[in-house]
């Protein structure tokens, strides 16, 4: 195939090398997709790695929205060492609570009805490590943070 004359190359003005690399990556994705269809399931190790990646990425991003300063690498380290590490900062306390709740949801979502009591329990669990938030764990009437204060 003449990559220079292909409509993708003309529209994006890609070099032949870049176009070749793109097509190579697409072929790899297609091969994985095809093999997954053949087995109709993913290997447990792949599912575990995907779950860990989602836990770390989601926990880091969600907590950064709230002002947390931990990087994904620091969140990954916390995830690997949650049980043996003393939590030094509020950022770490918040992330570990979030990680534990998210992992609990992943493992038990089928038996978790969406009810107020479950949501309040998840809130209690999420803030369980946060020293500052002990006063309103799972409380519907949690005080609103003052201007400039993180909840």
N, C-alpha and C. Protein backbone atom coordinates (compact mmCIF):
# COMPACT_ATOMS: atom_id res chain seq x y z
N UNK A 1 0.85 -1.18 0.00
CA UNK A 1 0.00 0.00 0.00
C UNK A 1 0.90 1.24 0.00
N UNK A 2 0.52 2.21 -0.76
CA UNK A 2 1.27 3.47 -0.83
C UNK A 2 0.73 4.40 0.26
N UNK A 3 1.48 4.49 1.35
CA UNK A 3 1.03 5.28 2.51
C UNK A 3 0.92 6.77 2.19
N UNK A 4 1.75 7.26 1.30
CA UNK A 4 1.72 8.69 0.97
C UNK A 4 0.39 9.08 0.31
N UNK A 5 -0.19 8.16 -0.43
CA UNK A 5 -1.43 8.46 -1.14
C UNK A 5 -2.67 8.08 -0.34
N UNK A 6 -2.49 7.45 0.80
CA UNK A 6 -3.64 7.04 1.61
C UNK A 6 -4.33 8.28 2.17
N UNK A 7 -5.64 8.26 2.23
CA UNK A 7 -6.38 9.47 2.66
C UNK A 7 -6.04 9.90 4.07
N UNK A 8 -5.69 8.98 4.96
CA UNK A 8 -5.31 9.35 6.33
C UNK A 8 -4.02 10.16 6.30
N UNK A 9 -3.06 9.74 5.51
CA UNK A 9 -1.79 10.47 5.40
C UNK A 9 -2.00 11.85 4.81
N UNK A 10 -2.82 11.97 3.80
CA UNK A 10 -3.05 13.27 3.17
C UNK A 10 -3.78 14.23 4.09
N UNK A 11 -4.79 13.71 4.79
CA UNK A 11 -5.59 14.59 5.64
C UNK A 11 -4.80 15.07 6.85
N UNK A 12 -4.01 14.20 7.45
CA UNK A 12 -3.25 14.56 8.64
C UNK A 12 -1.82 14.97 8.33
N UNK A 13 -1.42 14.85 7.10
CA UNK A 13 -0.07 15.16 6.67
C UNK A 13 0.97 14.42 7.52
N UNK A 14 0.78 13.12 7.65
CA UNK A 14 1.69 12.28 8.42
C UNK A 14 2.82 11.78 7.54
N UNK A 15 3.97 11.59 8.16
CA UNK A 15 5.08 10.98 7.41
C UNK A 15 4.78 9.51 7.22
N UNK A 16 5.48 8.89 6.31
CA UNK A 16 5.28 7.46 6.05
C UNK A 16 5.59 6.65 7.31
N UNK A 17 6.61 7.04 8.05
CA UNK A 17 6.99 6.30 9.27
C UNK A 17 5.88 6.39 10.32
N UNK A 18 5.32 7.56 10.49
CA UNK A 18 4.25 7.73 11.49
C UNK A 18 3.01 6.95 11.06
N UNK A 19 2.66 7.02 9.79
CA UNK A 19 1.51 6.26 9.30
C UNK A 19 1.72 4.77 9.50
N UNK A 20 2.92 4.29 9.21
CA UNK A 20 3.23 2.87 9.39
C UNK A 20 3.09 2.48 10.87
N UNK A 21 3.56 3.33 11.75
CA UNK A 21 3.47 3.04 13.19
C UNK A 21 2.02 3.00 13.65
N UNK A 22 1.22 3.93 13.16
CA UNK A 22 -0.20 3.96 13.52
C UNK A 22 -0.89 2.67 13.06
N UNK A 23 -0.66 2.29 11.83
CA UNK A 23 -1.28 1.07 11.33
C UNK A 23 -0.78 -0.16 12.09
N UNK A 24 0.46 -0.16 12.48
CA UNK A 24 1.01 -1.27 13.26
C UNK A 24 0.31 -1.37 14.62
N UNK A 25 0.12 -0.22 15.27
CA UNK A 25 -0.56 -0.21 16.57
C UNK A 25 -2.02 -0.65 16.43
N UNK A 26 -2.67 -0.19 15.38
CA UNK A 26 -4.06 -0.59 15.14
C UNK A 26 -4.13 -2.10 14.92
N UNK A 27 -3.18 -2.65 14.20
CA UNK A 27 -3.15 -4.11 13.97
C UNK A 27 -2.95 -4.86 15.28
N UNK A 28 -2.09 -4.35 16.16
CA UNK A 28 -1.88 -4.99 17.47
C UNK A 28 -3.17 -4.96 18.29
N UNK A 29 -3.84 -3.82 18.31
CA UNK A 29 -5.11 -3.71 19.04
C UNK A 29 -6.13 -4.68 18.47
N UNK A 30 -6.19 -4.76 17.15
CA UNK A 30 -7.13 -5.67 16.50
C UNK A 30 -6.82 -7.12 16.84
N UNK A 31 -5.53 -7.47 16.92
CA UNK A 31 -5.13 -8.84 17.26
C UNK A 31 -5.55 -9.18 18.69
N UNK A 32 -5.36 -8.26 19.62
CA UNK A 32 -5.77 -8.50 21.01
C UNK A 32 -7.29 -8.62 21.08
N UNK A 33 -7.97 -7.75 20.38
CA UNK A 33 -9.44 -7.79 20.35
C UNK A 33 -9.92 -9.13 19.79
N UNK A 34 -9.28 -9.59 18.73
CA UNK A 34 -9.67 -10.86 18.13
C UNK A 34 -9.39 -12.03 19.08
N UNK A 35 -8.23 -12.03 19.73
CA UNK A 35 -7.91 -13.13 20.65
C UNK A 35 -8.84 -13.12 21.84
N UNK A 36 -9.25 -11.93 22.28
CA UNK A 36 -10.18 -11.86 23.40
C UNK A 36 -11.54 -12.43 22.99
N UNK A 37 -11.96 -12.14 21.76
CA UNK A 37 -13.22 -12.71 21.27
C UNK A 37 -13.14 -14.22 21.20
N UNK A 38 -11.98 -14.76 20.82
CA UNK A 38 -11.84 -16.21 20.71
C UNK A 38 -11.96 -16.88 22.08
N UNK A 39 -11.37 -16.29 23.10
CA UNK A 39 -11.43 -16.89 24.43
C UNK A 39 -12.67 -16.45 25.18
N UNK A 40 -13.25 -15.32 24.75
CA UNK A 40 -14.45 -14.75 25.35
C UNK A 40 -14.25 -14.35 26.81
N UNK A 41 -13.00 -14.19 27.22
CA UNK A 41 -12.71 -13.72 28.57
C UNK A 41 -11.25 -13.30 28.66
N UNK A 42 -10.95 -12.52 29.65
CA UNK A 42 -9.58 -12.09 29.89
C UNK A 42 -8.96 -12.97 30.96
N UNK A 43 -7.67 -13.11 30.89
CA UNK A 43 -6.97 -13.88 31.91
C UNK A 43 -7.09 -13.15 33.25
N UNK A 44 -7.18 -13.88 34.37
CA UNK A 44 -7.31 -13.24 35.68
C UNK A 44 -6.20 -12.24 35.99
N UNK A 45 -4.98 -12.52 35.52
CA UNK A 45 -3.87 -11.59 35.78
C UNK A 45 -4.11 -10.26 35.08
N UNK A 46 -4.65 -10.30 33.87
CA UNK A 46 -4.92 -9.08 33.12
C UNK A 46 -6.03 -8.29 33.79
N UNK A 47 -7.07 -8.98 34.22
CA UNK A 47 -8.17 -8.32 34.92
C UNK A 47 -7.66 -7.65 36.19
N UNK A 48 -6.81 -8.35 36.94
CA UNK A 48 -6.25 -7.79 38.17
C UNK A 48 -5.43 -6.54 37.88
N UNK A 49 -4.60 -6.57 36.84
CA UNK A 49 -3.79 -5.40 36.49
C UNK A 49 -4.68 -4.24 36.04
N UNK A 50 -5.71 -4.53 35.26
CA UNK A 50 -6.63 -3.49 34.83
C UNK A 50 -7.36 -2.87 36.03
N UNK A 51 -7.79 -3.71 36.96
CA UNK A 51 -8.48 -3.22 38.14
C UNK A 51 -7.56 -2.32 38.97
N UNK A 52 -6.30 -2.74 39.16
CA UNK A 52 -5.35 -1.93 39.91
C UNK A 52 -5.12 -0.59 39.22
N UNK A 53 -5.01 -0.62 37.92
CA UNK A 53 -4.80 0.61 37.16
C UNK A 53 -5.98 1.55 37.31
N UNK A 54 -7.19 1.02 37.23
CA UNK A 54 -8.39 1.84 37.40
C UNK A 54 -8.46 2.40 38.82
N UNK A 55 -8.15 1.57 39.82
CA UNK A 55 -8.17 2.03 41.21
C UNK A 55 -7.22 3.20 41.41
N UNK A 56 -6.00 3.05 40.95
CA UNK A 56 -4.98 4.08 41.15
C UNK A 56 -5.33 5.35 40.38
N UNK A 57 -5.67 5.21 39.11
CA UNK A 57 -5.97 6.38 38.28
C UNK A 57 -7.19 7.12 38.80
N UNK A 58 -8.25 6.39 39.10
CA UNK A 58 -9.48 7.02 39.59
C UNK A 58 -9.26 7.67 40.95
N UNK A 59 -8.59 6.98 41.84
CA UNK A 59 -8.34 7.54 43.17
C UNK A 59 -7.51 8.80 43.10
N UNK A 60 -6.45 8.75 42.32
CA UNK A 60 -5.60 9.93 42.18
C UNK A 60 -6.35 11.10 41.58
N UNK A 61 -7.04 10.86 40.47
CA UNK A 61 -7.75 11.95 39.79
C UNK A 61 -8.87 12.52 40.65
N UNK A 62 -9.66 11.65 41.26
CA UNK A 62 -10.79 12.12 42.07
C UNK A 62 -10.31 12.92 43.28
N UNK A 63 -9.24 12.48 43.89
CA UNK A 63 -8.73 13.21 45.04
C UNK A 63 -8.03 14.51 44.64
N UNK A 64 -7.41 14.52 43.48
CA UNK A 64 -6.79 15.78 43.00
C UNK A 64 -7.85 16.84 42.72
N UNK A 65 -9.03 16.43 42.27
CA UNK A 65 -10.13 17.37 42.07
C UNK A 65 -10.45 18.09 43.37
N UNK A 66 -10.29 17.38 44.48
CA UNK A 66 -10.56 17.95 45.81
C UNK A 66 -9.36 18.67 46.40
N UNK A 67 -8.27 18.79 45.65
CA UNK A 67 -7.12 19.53 46.13
C UNK A 67 -5.96 18.68 46.61
N UNK A 68 -6.09 17.37 46.52
CA UNK A 68 -5.02 16.46 46.93
C UNK A 68 -3.83 16.64 46.00
N UNK A 69 -2.63 16.52 46.52
CA UNK A 69 -1.43 16.76 45.72
C UNK A 69 -0.64 15.50 45.37
N UNK A 70 -1.16 14.32 45.68
CA UNK A 70 -0.42 13.10 45.39
C UNK A 70 -0.46 12.77 43.90
N UNK A 71 0.67 12.34 43.36
CA UNK A 71 0.75 11.91 41.96
C UNK A 71 0.24 10.48 41.85
N UNK A 72 0.01 10.04 40.61
CA UNK A 72 -0.41 8.65 40.42
C UNK A 72 0.66 7.68 40.92
N UNK A 73 1.92 8.04 40.80
CA UNK A 73 3.00 7.17 41.30
C UNK A 73 2.91 7.04 42.82
N UNK A 74 2.64 8.15 43.51
CA UNK A 74 2.49 8.10 44.97
C UNK A 74 1.25 7.32 45.37
N UNK A 75 0.18 7.47 44.61
CA UNK A 75 -1.05 6.70 44.88
C UNK A 75 -0.78 5.22 44.67
N UNK A 76 -0.05 4.87 43.60
CA UNK A 76 0.32 3.48 43.34
C UNK A 76 1.11 2.90 44.51
N UNK A 77 2.07 3.66 45.03
CA UNK A 77 2.86 3.22 46.17
C UNK A 77 1.98 3.01 47.40
N UNK A 78 1.05 3.93 47.64
CA UNK A 78 0.12 3.76 48.77
C UNK A 78 -0.73 2.50 48.58
N UNK A 79 -1.20 2.29 47.36
CA UNK A 79 -2.03 1.11 47.08
C UNK A 79 -1.27 -0.18 47.39
N UNK A 80 -0.02 -0.22 46.99
CA UNK A 80 0.78 -1.43 47.22
C UNK A 80 1.10 -1.64 48.69
N UNK A 81 1.15 -0.56 49.47
CA UNK A 81 1.60 -0.65 50.86
C UNK A 81 0.57 -0.16 51.87
N UNK A 82 -0.72 -0.17 51.51
CA UNK A 82 -1.75 0.38 52.40
C UNK A 82 -1.77 -0.27 53.77
N UNK A 83 -1.58 -1.55 53.81
CA UNK A 83 -1.72 -2.30 55.05
C UNK A 83 -0.52 -2.15 55.98
N UNK A 84 0.63 -1.79 55.43
CA UNK A 84 1.83 -1.76 56.26
C UNK A 84 2.40 -0.37 56.47
N UNK A 85 1.82 0.60 55.85
CA UNK A 85 2.38 1.95 55.87
C UNK A 85 1.58 2.85 56.81
N UNK A 86 2.29 3.63 57.61
CA UNK A 86 1.64 4.63 58.45
C UNK A 86 1.33 5.85 57.56
N UNK A 87 0.11 6.34 57.67
CA UNK A 87 -0.32 7.46 56.83
C UNK A 87 0.14 8.76 57.46
N UNK A 88 0.98 9.48 56.74
CA UNK A 88 1.63 10.67 57.30
C UNK A 88 0.84 11.95 57.07
N UNK A 89 0.13 12.04 55.98
CA UNK A 89 -0.53 13.30 55.64
C UNK A 89 -2.02 13.09 55.39
N UNK A 90 -2.74 14.19 55.41
CA UNK A 90 -4.17 14.14 55.11
C UNK A 90 -4.40 13.63 53.69
N UNK A 91 -3.52 14.03 52.76
CA UNK A 91 -3.64 13.55 51.38
C UNK A 91 -3.58 12.03 51.34
N UNK A 92 -2.63 11.44 52.06
CA UNK A 92 -2.52 9.98 52.09
C UNK A 92 -3.74 9.35 52.75
N UNK A 93 -4.23 9.94 53.84
CA UNK A 93 -5.42 9.41 54.52
C UNK A 93 -6.62 9.38 53.58
N UNK A 94 -6.82 10.46 52.85
CA UNK A 94 -7.95 10.54 51.93
C UNK A 94 -7.84 9.52 50.80
N UNK A 95 -6.64 9.40 50.23
CA UNK A 95 -6.45 8.47 49.11
C UNK A 95 -6.64 7.03 49.55
N UNK A 96 -6.10 6.65 50.70
CA UNK A 96 -6.25 5.27 51.16
C UNK A 96 -7.72 4.95 51.41
N UNK A 97 -8.47 5.88 52.01
CA UNK A 97 -9.90 5.65 52.21
C UNK A 97 -10.62 5.47 50.88
N UNK A 98 -10.29 6.29 49.91
CA UNK A 98 -10.90 6.19 48.59
C UNK A 98 -10.54 4.86 47.93
N UNK A 99 -9.26 4.49 48.01
CA UNK A 99 -8.82 3.22 47.43
C UNK A 99 -9.57 2.04 48.04
N UNK A 100 -9.70 2.04 49.35
CA UNK A 100 -10.39 0.93 50.02
C UNK A 100 -11.86 0.85 49.62
N UNK A 101 -12.52 2.00 49.54
CA UNK A 101 -13.93 2.00 49.16
C UNK A 101 -14.09 1.56 47.70
N UNK A 102 -13.27 2.07 46.83
CA UNK A 102 -13.37 1.69 45.42
C UNK A 102 -13.10 0.20 45.23
N UNK A 103 -12.12 -0.32 45.94
CA UNK A 103 -11.83 -1.76 45.86
C UNK A 103 -13.02 -2.56 46.39
N UNK A 104 -13.62 -2.11 47.47
CA UNK A 104 -14.80 -2.77 48.03
C UNK A 104 -15.94 -2.78 47.02
N UNK A 105 -16.15 -1.67 46.34
CA UNK A 105 -17.22 -1.59 45.34
C UNK A 105 -16.92 -2.55 44.19
N UNK A 106 -15.67 -2.57 43.71
CA UNK A 106 -15.30 -3.50 42.64
C UNK A 106 -15.60 -4.95 43.03
N UNK A 107 -15.27 -5.30 44.26
CA UNK A 107 -15.40 -6.69 44.69
C UNK A 107 -16.82 -7.07 45.07
N UNK A 108 -17.66 -6.11 45.45
CA UNK A 108 -18.97 -6.44 46.01
C UNK A 108 -20.15 -5.74 45.34
N UNK A 109 -19.95 -5.13 44.20
CA UNK A 109 -21.01 -4.32 43.59
C UNK A 109 -22.29 -5.11 43.36
N UNK A 110 -22.18 -6.39 43.09
CA UNK A 110 -23.39 -7.18 42.79
C UNK A 110 -24.29 -7.32 44.01
N UNK A 111 -23.70 -7.26 45.20
CA UNK A 111 -24.50 -7.41 46.42
C UNK A 111 -24.71 -6.09 47.14
N UNK A 112 -24.45 -4.97 46.46
CA UNK A 112 -24.62 -3.64 47.07
C UNK A 112 -25.82 -2.94 46.45
N UNK A 113 -26.96 -3.02 47.10
CA UNK A 113 -28.10 -2.26 46.56
C UNK A 113 -27.84 -0.76 46.74
N UNK A 114 -28.36 0.02 45.83
CA UNK A 114 -28.19 1.46 45.94
C UNK A 114 -29.24 1.98 46.91
N UNK A 115 -28.79 2.15 48.14
CA UNK A 115 -29.65 2.65 49.21
C UNK A 115 -28.88 3.70 49.99
N UNK A 116 -29.61 4.54 50.65
CA UNK A 116 -28.99 5.58 51.45
C UNK A 116 -28.02 5.00 52.48
N UNK A 117 -28.41 3.92 53.11
CA UNK A 117 -27.55 3.33 54.14
C UNK A 117 -26.22 2.84 53.57
N UNK A 118 -26.24 2.29 52.36
CA UNK A 118 -25.00 1.83 51.72
C UNK A 118 -24.11 3.02 51.37
N UNK A 119 -24.72 4.06 50.83
CA UNK A 119 -23.95 5.26 50.46
C UNK A 119 -23.34 5.89 51.71
N UNK A 120 -24.09 5.97 52.78
CA UNK A 120 -23.54 6.52 54.02
C UNK A 120 -22.41 5.65 54.57
N UNK A 121 -22.57 4.33 54.45
CA UNK A 121 -21.50 3.43 54.90
C UNK A 121 -20.24 3.62 54.06
N UNK A 122 -20.40 3.76 52.76
CA UNK A 122 -19.25 4.01 51.89
C UNK A 122 -18.57 5.33 52.27
N UNK A 123 -19.37 6.33 52.61
CA UNK A 123 -18.81 7.62 53.04
C UNK A 123 -18.03 7.45 54.34
N UNK A 124 -18.59 6.71 55.29
CA UNK A 124 -17.87 6.43 56.55
C UNK A 124 -16.56 5.71 56.27
N UNK A 125 -16.62 4.71 55.41
CA UNK A 125 -15.42 3.94 55.10
C UNK A 125 -14.37 4.81 54.39
N UNK A 126 -14.83 5.67 53.50
CA UNK A 126 -13.90 6.51 52.75
C UNK A 126 -13.16 7.48 53.67
N UNK A 127 -13.82 7.96 54.70
CA UNK A 127 -13.21 8.94 55.60
C UNK A 127 -12.63 8.31 56.87
N UNK A 128 -12.64 7.00 56.95
CA UNK A 128 -12.21 6.31 58.17
C UNK A 128 -10.77 6.62 58.57
N UNK A 129 -9.89 6.88 57.62
CA UNK A 129 -8.49 7.15 57.93
C UNK A 129 -8.20 8.64 58.10
N UNK A 130 -9.18 9.47 57.80
CA UNK A 130 -8.97 10.91 57.81
C UNK A 130 -9.25 11.48 59.20
N UNK A 131 -8.19 11.85 59.90
CA UNK A 131 -8.32 12.37 61.26
C UNK A 131 -9.26 13.57 61.34
N UNK A 132 -9.17 14.47 60.39
CA UNK A 132 -9.94 15.70 60.42
C UNK A 132 -11.44 15.48 60.19
N UNK A 133 -11.80 14.40 59.53
CA UNK A 133 -13.20 14.18 59.14
C UNK A 133 -13.98 13.25 60.07
N UNK A 134 -13.44 12.90 61.20
CA UNK A 134 -14.11 11.95 62.08
C UNK A 134 -15.47 12.43 62.57
N UNK A 135 -15.68 13.73 62.64
CA UNK A 135 -16.93 14.28 63.14
C UNK A 135 -18.12 14.11 62.24
N UNK A 136 -17.92 13.85 60.97
CA UNK A 136 -19.08 13.73 60.07
C UNK A 136 -18.99 12.54 59.14
N UNK A 137 -18.46 11.43 59.62
CA UNK A 137 -18.42 10.20 58.81
C UNK A 137 -19.83 9.70 58.54
N UNK A 138 -20.17 9.60 57.28
CA UNK A 138 -21.47 9.04 56.89
C UNK A 138 -22.65 9.84 57.40
N UNK A 139 -22.46 11.10 57.70
CA UNK A 139 -23.53 11.92 58.24
C UNK A 139 -24.18 12.71 57.10
N UNK A 140 -25.48 12.59 56.99
CA UNK A 140 -26.21 13.30 55.94
C UNK A 140 -26.03 14.80 56.10
N UNK A 141 -25.98 15.27 57.30
CA UNK A 141 -25.91 16.70 57.57
C UNK A 141 -24.48 17.14 57.84
N UNK A 142 -23.53 16.58 57.11
CA UNK A 142 -22.13 16.97 57.28
C UNK A 142 -21.98 18.46 57.06
N UNK A 143 -21.19 19.10 57.93
CA UNK A 143 -21.02 20.55 57.74
C UNK A 143 -20.33 20.83 56.41
N UNK A 144 -20.78 21.89 55.77
CA UNK A 144 -20.16 22.31 54.51
C UNK A 144 -18.82 22.96 54.83
N UNK A 145 -17.78 22.70 54.00
CA UNK A 145 -16.50 23.35 54.26
C UNK A 145 -16.61 24.85 54.08
N UNK A 146 -15.87 25.58 54.90
CA UNK A 146 -15.84 27.03 54.75
C UNK A 146 -15.05 27.37 53.49
N UNK A 147 -15.27 28.55 52.98
CA UNK A 147 -14.60 29.01 51.76
C UNK A 147 -13.09 28.81 51.90
N UNK A 148 -12.48 28.15 50.90
CA UNK A 148 -11.04 27.91 50.91
C UNK A 148 -10.63 26.69 51.68
N UNK A 149 -11.56 26.00 52.36
CA UNK A 149 -11.24 24.80 53.14
C UNK A 149 -11.66 23.57 52.37
N UNK A 150 -10.81 22.55 52.39
CA UNK A 150 -11.14 21.29 51.73
C UNK A 150 -12.06 20.50 52.63
N UNK A 151 -13.00 19.78 52.01
CA UNK A 151 -13.89 18.93 52.80
C UNK A 151 -13.21 17.63 53.11
